[in-house]
Amino acid sequence: MPDGNHSPRNALNPMALSITEAALVLTRTGGQMVTEAMIREDIAEGAPTNADGTLNLVHYAAWLVQNVLEK
């Protein structure tokens, strides 16, 4: 909640993150380094993206889990 001393931060939309934003969020929350290159490799292997090229974190996480279970 913004107060008189701070401007509001741009909120991230977990349903439409850029690859850069997704790498940052996943690195900060997952405890392991996730790079843009890693996400781009996943996309090349079939990870879902939105029509505009952004990532929905729920869809991406489900894809990752599915791939782990198939291996």
C-alpha atoms as a PDB file:
ATOM      1  CA  MET A   1       0.000   0.000   0.000  1.00  0.00           C
ATOM      2  CA  PRO A   2       1.560   3.287  -1.031  1.00  0.00           C
ATOM      3  CA  ASP A   3       2.081   5.981   1.535  1.00  0.00           C
ATOM      4  CA  GLY A   4       2.865   9.644   1.109  1.00  0.00           C
ATOM      5  CA  ASN A   5       6.613   9.003   0.875  1.00  0.00           C
ATOM      6  CA  HIS A   6       6.731   6.283  -1.768  1.00  0.00           C
ATOM      7  CA  SER A   7       5.346   5.919  -5.253  1.00  0.00           C
ATOM      8  CA  PRO A   8       3.456   2.676  -6.012  1.00  0.00           C
ATOM      9  CA  ARG A   9       5.520  -0.094  -7.567  1.00  0.00           C
ATOM     10  CA  ASN A  10       4.554  -1.623 -10.866  1.00  0.00           C
ATOM     11  CA  ALA A  11       2.815  -4.865  -9.989  1.00  0.00           C
ATOM     12  CA  LEU A  12       3.867  -8.010 -11.785  1.00  0.00           C
ATOM     13  CA  ASN A  13       1.121 -10.017 -13.426  1.00  0.00           C
ATOM     14  CA  PRO A  14       1.885 -13.731 -12.860  1.00  0.00           C
ATOM     15  CA  MET A  15      -0.340 -14.542 -15.831  1.00  0.00           C
ATOM     16  CA  ALA A  16       1.735 -12.405 -18.223  1.00  0.00           C
ATOM     17  CA  LEU A  17       5.411 -12.116 -17.281  1.00  0.00           C
ATOM     18  CA  SER A  18       8.176 -11.301 -19.702  1.00  0.00           C
ATOM     19  CA  ILE A  19      10.954 -13.871 -19.843  1.00  0.00           C
ATOM     20  CA  THR A  20      13.169 -11.466 -17.905  1.00  0.00           C
ATOM     21  CA  GLU A  21      10.533 -10.993 -15.195  1.00  0.00           C
ATOM     22  CA  ALA A  22       9.873 -14.736 -14.999  1.00  0.00           C
ATOM     23  CA  ALA A  23      13.583 -15.486 -14.551  1.00  0.00           C
ATOM     24  CA  LEU A  24      13.802 -12.908 -11.773  1.00  0.00           C
ATOM     25  CA  VAL A  25      10.686 -14.131  -9.956  1.00  0.00           C
ATOM     26  CA  LEU A  26      11.680 -17.791 -10.220  1.00  0.00           C
ATOM     27  CA  THR A  27      15.222 -17.077  -9.030  1.00  0.00           C
ATOM     28  CA  ARG A  28      14.019 -15.056  -6.043  1.00  0.00           C
ATOM     29  CA  THR A  29      11.352 -17.541  -4.983  1.00  0.00           C
ATOM     30  CA  GLY A  30      12.901 -20.871  -5.934  1.00  0.00           C
ATOM     31  CA  GLY A  31      16.270 -20.727  -4.263  1.00  0.00           C
ATOM     32  CA  GLN A  32      18.094 -21.587  -7.508  1.00  0.00           C
ATOM     33  CA  MET A  33      19.317 -19.412 -10.334  1.00  0.00           C
ATOM     34  CA  VAL A  34      16.896 -19.398 -13.271  1.00  0.00           C
ATOM     35  CA  THR A  35      18.202 -17.604 -16.331  1.00  0.00           C
ATOM     36  CA  GLU A  36      16.462 -16.196 -19.353  1.00  0.00           C
ATOM     37  CA  ALA A  37      18.402 -18.727 -21.437  1.00  0.00           C
ATOM     38  CA  MET A  38      16.953 -21.592 -19.386  1.00  0.00           C
ATOM     39  CA  ILE A  39      13.417 -20.320 -19.945  1.00  0.00           C
ATOM     40  CA  ARG A  40      14.060 -19.781 -23.660  1.00  0.00           C
ATOM     41  CA  GLU A  41      15.297 -23.394 -23.901  1.00  0.00           C
ATOM     42  CA  ASP A  42      12.100 -24.577 -22.219  1.00  0.00           C
ATOM     43  CA  ILE A  43      10.018 -22.542 -24.673  1.00  0.00           C
ATOM     44  CA  ALA A  44      11.935 -24.083 -27.571  1.00  0.00           C
ATOM     45  CA  GLU A  45      11.116 -27.508 -26.093  1.00  0.00           C
ATOM     46  CA  GLY A  46       7.402 -26.688 -25.915  1.00  0.00           C
ATOM     47  CA  ALA A  47       6.771 -24.690 -22.749  1.00  0.00           C
ATOM     48  CA  PRO A  48       3.558 -22.721 -23.184  1.00  0.00           C
ATOM     49  CA  THR A  49       3.549 -18.989 -23.797  1.00  0.00           C
ATOM     50  CA  ASN A  50       0.801 -16.455 -24.207  1.00  0.00           C
ATOM     51  CA  ALA A  51       0.069 -15.109 -27.681  1.00  0.00           C
ATOM     52  CA  ASP A  52       2.219 -12.058 -26.943  1.00  0.00           C
ATOM     53  CA  GLY A  53       5.208 -14.180 -25.861  1.00  0.00           C
ATOM     54  CA  THR A  54       4.767 -13.653 -22.140  1.00  0.00           C
ATOM     55  CA  LEU A  55       4.600 -16.491 -19.626  1.00  0.00           C
ATOM     56  CA  ASN A  56       1.759 -17.530 -17.373  1.00  0.00           C
ATOM     57  CA  LEU A  57       3.600 -18.857 -14.304  1.00  0.00           C
ATOM     58  CA  VAL A  58       0.879 -21.393 -13.478  1.00  0.00           C
ATOM     59  CA  HIS A  59       0.915 -22.852 -16.996  1.00  0.00           C
ATOM     60  CA  TYR A  60       4.711 -22.832 -17.072  1.00  0.00           C
ATOM     61  CA  ALA A  61       4.948 -24.557 -13.670  1.00  0.00           C
ATOM     62  CA  ALA A  62       2.446 -27.205 -14.765  1.00  0.00           C
ATOM     63  CA  TRP A  63       4.498 -27.819 -17.914  1.00  0.00           C
ATOM     64  CA  LEU A  64       7.676 -28.164 -15.840  1.00  0.00           C
ATOM     65  CA  VAL A  65       6.035 -30.671 -13.472  1.00  0.00           C
ATOM     66  CA  GLN A  66       4.660 -32.678 -16.378  1.00  0.00           C
ATOM     67  CA  ASN A  67       8.123 -32.858 -17.946  1.00  0.00           C
ATOM     68  CA  VAL A  68       9.718 -33.991 -14.677  1.00  0.00           C
ATOM     69  CA  LEU A  69       7.128 -36.731 -14.251  1.00  0.00           C
ATOM     70  CA  GLU A  70       7.649 -37.962 -17.820  1.00  0.00           C
ATOM     71  CA  LYS A  71      11.409 -38.379 -17.341  1.00  0.00           C
END
